[in-house]
Amino acid sequence: MRDQRFIAEHRGGPLDIKRHRLLARWAADCAEHLMHHFTCVSDDERPLRAIDLAREWAQGKVSTGACMKASVAAHAAARAVEDPAAVAAARAAGHAVATAHFAEHALGPVVYGRKTKLAAGESFARELTWQKKKLPAGVRVLVLSALQNPRFAATTKRTK
């Protein structure tokens, strides 16, 4: 079930554009933090471009449509690699840029951050701590409470 707090004002929800843009910036930072898992196995630039577009959208420089196309491209890049950590990192980028279309996608880099780190044999606990430290004050309560939802609770278990 959709978390109504992530519905943008222009769609009748409570999320104002300022907080929507904060979510996109944070999601881009989280996805970028995982990108070395992708770039070490592929020179495909689509996930990196998706992260750039998420930041550009957060600055009001590109359309939501351009972000949606970049999300599809990042997910295609994920399908083009076999390494599970690289796949998950590319998917994190796809979700980060999709935040422009639907703000709840900002939680994707947390979900795929866990998958990335576990596939790489690394600590998700450290990654989650880093992600939480990066949360802007304007969306901190929203994100932390959303991660308590049963849909995401298993994702935020501190494994390793």
C-alpha atoms as a PDB file:
ATOM      1  CA  MET A   1       0.000   0.000   0.000  1.00  0.00           C
ATOM      2  CA  ARG A   2       1.257   3.424  -0.942  1.00  0.00           C
ATOM      3  CA  ASP A   3       2.442   5.745   1.819  1.00  0.00           C
ATOM      4  CA  GLN A   4       0.199   8.772   1.290  1.00  0.00           C
ATOM      5  CA  ARG A   5       2.812  11.102   2.797  1.00  0.00           C
ATOM      6  CA  PHE A   6       4.931  10.656  -0.337  1.00  0.00           C
ATOM      7  CA  ILE A   7       2.252  11.913  -2.711  1.00  0.00           C
ATOM      8  CA  ALA A   8       3.189  15.286  -4.163  1.00  0.00           C
ATOM      9  CA  GLU A   9       0.998  18.330  -3.556  1.00  0.00           C
ATOM     10  CA  HIS A  10       0.275  18.711  -7.254  1.00  0.00           C
ATOM     11  CA  ARG A  11      -1.288  15.226  -7.120  1.00  0.00           C
ATOM     12  CA  GLY A  12      -3.364  16.055  -4.055  1.00  0.00           C
ATOM     13  CA  GLY A  13      -0.909  14.827  -1.434  1.00  0.00           C
ATOM     14  CA  PRO A  14       0.945  16.534   1.399  1.00  0.00           C
ATOM     15  CA  LEU A  15       4.490  16.434  -0.026  1.00  0.00           C
ATOM     16  CA  ASP A  16       5.628  19.910  -1.032  1.00  0.00           C
ATOM     17  CA  ILE A  17       8.163  20.394  -3.825  1.00  0.00           C
ATOM     18  CA  LYS A  18      10.926  21.472  -1.440  1.00  0.00           C
ATOM     19  CA  ARG A  19      10.791  18.191   0.485  1.00  0.00           C
ATOM     20  CA  HIS A  20      10.310  16.215  -2.735  1.00  0.00           C
ATOM     21  CA  ARG A  21      13.544  17.716  -4.060  1.00  0.00           C
ATOM     22  CA  LEU A  22      15.334  16.943  -0.775  1.00  0.00           C
ATOM     23  CA  LEU A  23      14.295  13.310  -1.160  1.00  0.00           C
ATOM     24  CA  ALA A  24      15.650  13.221  -4.722  1.00  0.00           C
ATOM     25  CA  ARG A  25      18.988  14.714  -3.657  1.00  0.00           C
ATOM     26  CA  TRP A  26      19.330  12.291  -0.767  1.00  0.00           C
ATOM     27  CA  ALA A  27      18.395   9.308  -2.948  1.00  0.00           C
ATOM     28  CA  ALA A  28      20.994  10.399  -5.515  1.00  0.00           C
ATOM     29  CA  ASP A  29      23.655  10.616  -2.799  1.00  0.00           C
ATOM     30  CA  CYS A  30      22.749   7.139  -1.523  1.00  0.00           C
ATOM     31  CA  ALA A  31      22.818   5.632  -5.015  1.00  0.00           C
ATOM     32  CA  GLU A  32      26.108   7.327  -5.848  1.00  0.00           C
ATOM     33  CA  HIS A  33      27.633   5.873  -2.675  1.00  0.00           C
ATOM     34  CA  LEU A  34      26.972   2.405  -4.139  1.00  0.00           C
ATOM     35  CA  MET A  35      28.117   3.097  -7.705  1.00  0.00           C
ATOM     36  CA  HIS A  36      31.637   1.724  -7.313  1.00  0.00           C
ATOM     37  CA  HIS A  37      30.016  -1.719  -7.175  1.00  0.00           C
ATOM     38  CA  PHE A  38      28.687  -1.108 -10.680  1.00  0.00           C
ATOM     39  CA  THR A  39      31.571   0.812 -12.223  1.00  0.00           C
ATOM     40  CA  CYS A  40      34.092  -1.844 -11.232  1.00  0.00           C
ATOM     41  CA  VAL A  41      32.367  -4.306 -13.590  1.00  0.00           C
ATOM     42  CA  SER A  42      30.892  -2.067 -16.292  1.00  0.00           C
ATOM     43  CA  ASP A  43      31.647   1.140 -18.142  1.00  0.00           C
ATOM     44  CA  ASP A  44      27.938   1.668 -18.900  1.00  0.00           C
ATOM     45  CA  GLU A  45      27.185   5.256 -17.930  1.00  0.00           C
ATOM     46  CA  ARG A  46      23.397   4.957 -17.681  1.00  0.00           C
ATOM     47  CA  PRO A  47      23.239   4.548 -13.880  1.00  0.00           C
ATOM     48  CA  LEU A  48      25.635   7.462 -13.368  1.00  0.00           C
ATOM     49  CA  ARG A  49      23.585   9.564 -15.770  1.00  0.00           C
ATOM     50  CA  ALA A  50      20.460   8.667 -13.818  1.00  0.00           C
ATOM     51  CA  ILE A  51      22.060   9.954 -10.621  1.00  0.00           C
ATOM     52  CA  ASP A  52      23.077  13.164 -12.373  1.00  0.00           C
ATOM     53  CA  LEU A  53      19.531  13.646 -13.668  1.00  0.00           C
ATOM     54  CA  ALA A  54      18.079  13.079 -10.196  1.00  0.00           C
ATOM     55  CA  ARG A  55      20.220  15.945  -8.948  1.00  0.00           C
ATOM     56  CA  GLU A  56      19.320  18.108 -11.928  1.00  0.00           C
ATOM     57  CA  TRP A  57      15.622  17.471 -11.292  1.00  0.00           C
ATOM     58  CA  ALA A  58      16.145  18.451  -7.654  1.00  0.00           C
ATOM     59  CA  GLN A  59      17.486  21.770  -8.945  1.00  0.00           C
ATOM     60  CA  GLY A  60      14.517  22.230 -11.272  1.00  0.00           C
ATOM     61  CA  LYS A  61      16.669  21.809 -14.394  1.00  0.00           C
ATOM     62  CA  VAL A  62      15.118  18.725 -16.054  1.00  0.00           C
ATOM     63  CA  SER A  63      11.646  17.305 -16.507  1.00  0.00           C
ATOM     64  CA  THR A  64      10.103  14.380 -14.712  1.00  0.00           C
ATOM     65  CA  GLY A  65       9.762  12.701 -18.112  1.00  0.00           C
ATOM     66  CA  ALA A  66      13.522  12.836 -18.659  1.00  0.00           C
ATOM     67  CA  CYS A  67      13.988  11.276 -15.220  1.00  0.00           C
ATOM     68  CA  MET A  68      11.547   8.484 -15.999  1.00  0.00           C
ATOM     69  CA  LYS A  69      13.490   7.647 -19.166  1.00  0.00           C
ATOM     70  CA  ALA A  70      16.745   7.678 -17.201  1.00  0.00           C
ATOM     71  CA  SER A  71      15.232   5.308 -14.657  1.00  0.00           C
ATOM     72  CA  VAL A  72      14.272   2.830 -17.371  1.00  0.00           C
ATOM     73  CA  ALA A  73      17.813   3.110 -18.774  1.00  0.00           C
ATOM     74  CA  ALA A  74      19.433   2.491 -15.367  1.00  0.00           C
ATOM     75  CA  HIS A  75      17.320  -0.621 -14.888  1.00  0.00           C
ATOM     76  CA  ALA A  76      18.310  -1.785 -18.385  1.00  0.00           C
ATOM     77  CA  ALA A  77      21.944  -1.329 -17.375  1.00  0.00           C
ATOM     78  CA  ALA A  78      21.235  -3.494 -14.325  1.00  0.00           C
ATOM     79  CA  ARG A  79      19.961  -6.253 -16.590  1.00  0.00           C
ATOM     80  CA  ALA A  80      23.131  -6.016 -18.683  1.00  0.00           C
ATOM     81  CA  VAL A  81      25.458  -7.110 -15.869  1.00  0.00           C
ATOM     82  CA  GLU A  82      25.682 -10.375 -13.979  1.00  0.00           C
ATOM     83  CA  ASP A  83      27.360  -9.375 -10.738  1.00  0.00           C
ATOM     84  CA  PRO A  84      24.588  -9.194  -8.082  1.00  0.00           C
ATOM     85  CA  ALA A  85      26.151  -6.202  -6.311  1.00  0.00           C
ATOM     86  CA  ALA A  86      26.428  -4.313  -9.600  1.00  0.00           C
ATOM     87  CA  VAL A  87      22.835  -5.166 -10.511  1.00  0.00           C
ATOM     88  CA  ALA A  88      21.576  -3.845  -7.177  1.00  0.00           C
ATOM     89  CA  ALA A  89      23.678  -0.677  -7.400  1.00  0.00           C
ATOM     90  CA  ALA A  90      22.304   0.127 -10.864  1.00  0.00           C
ATOM     91  CA  ARG A  91      18.781  -0.468  -9.578  1.00  0.00           C
ATOM     92  CA  ALA A  92      19.453   1.953  -6.724  1.00  0.00           C
ATOM     93  CA  ALA A  93      20.293   4.597  -9.338  1.00  0.00           C
ATOM     94  CA  GLY A  94      17.097   3.789 -11.225  1.00  0.00           C
ATOM     95  CA  HIS A  95      15.042   4.336  -8.095  1.00  0.00           C
ATOM     96  CA  ALA A  96      16.885   7.507  -7.139  1.00  0.00           C
ATOM     97  CA  VAL A  97      15.994   9.204 -10.421  1.00  0.00           C
ATOM     98  CA  ALA A  98      12.446   7.794 -10.336  1.00  0.00           C
ATOM     99  CA  THR A  99      11.943   9.836  -7.159  1.00  0.00           C
ATOM    100  CA  ALA A 100      11.079  12.732  -9.487  1.00  0.00           C
ATOM    101  CA  HIS A 101       8.007  10.793 -10.638  1.00  0.00           C
ATOM    102  CA  PHE A 102       7.006   9.247  -7.326  1.00  0.00           C
ATOM    103  CA  ALA A 103       8.731  10.344  -4.135  1.00  0.00           C
ATOM    104  CA  GLU A 104       8.547   6.954  -2.403  1.00  0.00           C
ATOM    105  CA  HIS A 105      11.162   5.718  -4.897  1.00  0.00           C
ATOM    106  CA  ALA A 106      13.634   7.634  -2.703  1.00  0.00           C
ATOM    107  CA  LEU A 107      13.549   4.586  -0.433  1.00  0.00           C
ATOM    108  CA  GLY A 108      14.822   2.392  -3.275  1.00  0.00           C
ATOM    109  CA  PRO A 109      18.499   3.153  -2.631  1.00  0.00           C
ATOM    110  CA  VAL A 110      18.012   1.871   0.930  1.00  0.00           C
ATOM    111  CA  VAL A 111      16.430  -1.362  -0.302  1.00  0.00           C
ATOM    112  CA  TYR A 112      19.022  -1.814  -3.040  1.00  0.00           C
ATOM    113  CA  GLY A 113      21.790  -0.571  -0.774  1.00  0.00           C
ATOM    114  CA  ARG A 114      21.119  -3.579   1.423  1.00  0.00           C
ATOM    115  CA  LYS A 115      21.112  -5.919  -1.565  1.00  0.00           C
ATOM    116  CA  THR A 116      24.313  -4.357  -2.896  1.00  0.00           C
ATOM    117  CA  LYS A 117      26.219  -4.618   0.349  1.00  0.00           C
ATOM    118  CA  LEU A 118      25.084  -8.140   1.163  1.00  0.00           C
ATOM    119  CA  ALA A 119      25.925  -9.333  -2.365  1.00  0.00           C
ATOM    120  CA  ALA A 120      29.370  -7.772  -2.013  1.00  0.00           C
ATOM    121  CA  GLY A 121      29.912  -9.351   1.403  1.00  0.00           C
ATOM    122  CA  GLU A 122      30.060  -5.934   3.043  1.00  0.00           C
ATOM    123  CA  SER A 123      28.336  -4.340   6.016  1.00  0.00           C
ATOM    124  CA  PHE A 124      24.844  -3.059   5.401  1.00  0.00           C
ATOM    125  CA  ALA A 125      24.771  -1.721   8.952  1.00  0.00           C
ATOM    126  CA  ARG A 126      27.524   0.750   8.058  1.00  0.00           C
ATOM    127  CA  GLU A 127      25.743   1.690   4.828  1.00  0.00           C
ATOM    128  CA  LEU A 128      22.445   2.284   6.611  1.00  0.00           C
ATOM    129  CA  THR A 129      24.190   4.409   9.231  1.00  0.00           C
ATOM    130  CA  TRP A 130      25.802   6.459   6.441  1.00  0.00           C
ATOM    131  CA  GLN A 131      22.455   6.858   4.657  1.00  0.00           C
ATOM    132  CA  LYS A 132      20.728   8.018   7.825  1.00  0.00           C
ATOM    133  CA  LYS A 133      23.484  10.548   8.555  1.00  0.00           C
ATOM    134  CA  LYS A 134      22.995  11.984   5.067  1.00  0.00           C
ATOM    135  CA  LEU A 135      19.239  12.491   5.554  1.00  0.00           C
ATOM    136  CA  PRO A 136      18.317  16.160   5.304  1.00  0.00           C
ATOM    137  CA  ALA A 137      16.474  17.492   8.363  1.00  0.00           C
ATOM    138  CA  GLY A 138      13.425  18.381   6.250  1.00  0.00           C
ATOM    139  CA  VAL A 139      12.723  14.739   5.371  1.00  0.00           C
ATOM    140  CA  ARG A 140      14.406  12.873   8.210  1.00  0.00           C
ATOM    141  CA  VAL A 141      11.261  12.061  10.198  1.00  0.00           C
ATOM    142  CA  LEU A 142       9.347  11.125   7.040  1.00  0.00           C
ATOM    143  CA  VAL A 143      12.009   8.695   5.804  1.00  0.00           C
ATOM    144  CA  LEU A 144      12.802   7.121   9.157  1.00  0.00           C
ATOM    145  CA  SER A 145       9.127   6.530   9.897  1.00  0.00           C
ATOM    146  CA  ALA A 146       8.523   5.156   6.374  1.00  0.00           C
ATOM    147  CA  LEU A 147      11.346   2.674   6.881  1.00  0.00           C
ATOM    148  CA  GLN A 148       9.451   1.317   9.915  1.00  0.00           C
ATOM    149  CA  ASN A 149       6.618   0.224   7.603  1.00  0.00           C
ATOM    150  CA  PRO A 150       6.524  -3.595   7.351  1.00  0.00           C
ATOM    151  CA  ARG A 151       7.285  -3.237   3.612  1.00  0.00           C
ATOM    152  CA  PHE A 152      10.696  -1.828   4.480  1.00  0.00           C
ATOM    153  CA  ALA A 153      11.356  -3.095   8.007  1.00  0.00           C
ATOM    154  CA  ALA A 154      13.142  -6.243   6.791  1.00  0.00           C
ATOM    155  CA  THR A 155      15.301  -4.059   4.571  1.00  0.00           C
ATOM    156  CA  THR A 156      16.644  -2.047   7.461  1.00  0.00           C
ATOM    157  CA  LYS A 157      17.620  -5.000   9.611  1.00  0.00           C
ATOM    158  CA  ARG A 158      21.255  -4.558  10.437  1.00  0.00           C
ATOM    159  CA  THR A 159      22.832  -7.589   8.829  1.00  0.00           C
ATOM    160  CA  LYS A 160      26.631  -7.770   9.178  1.00  0.00           C
END
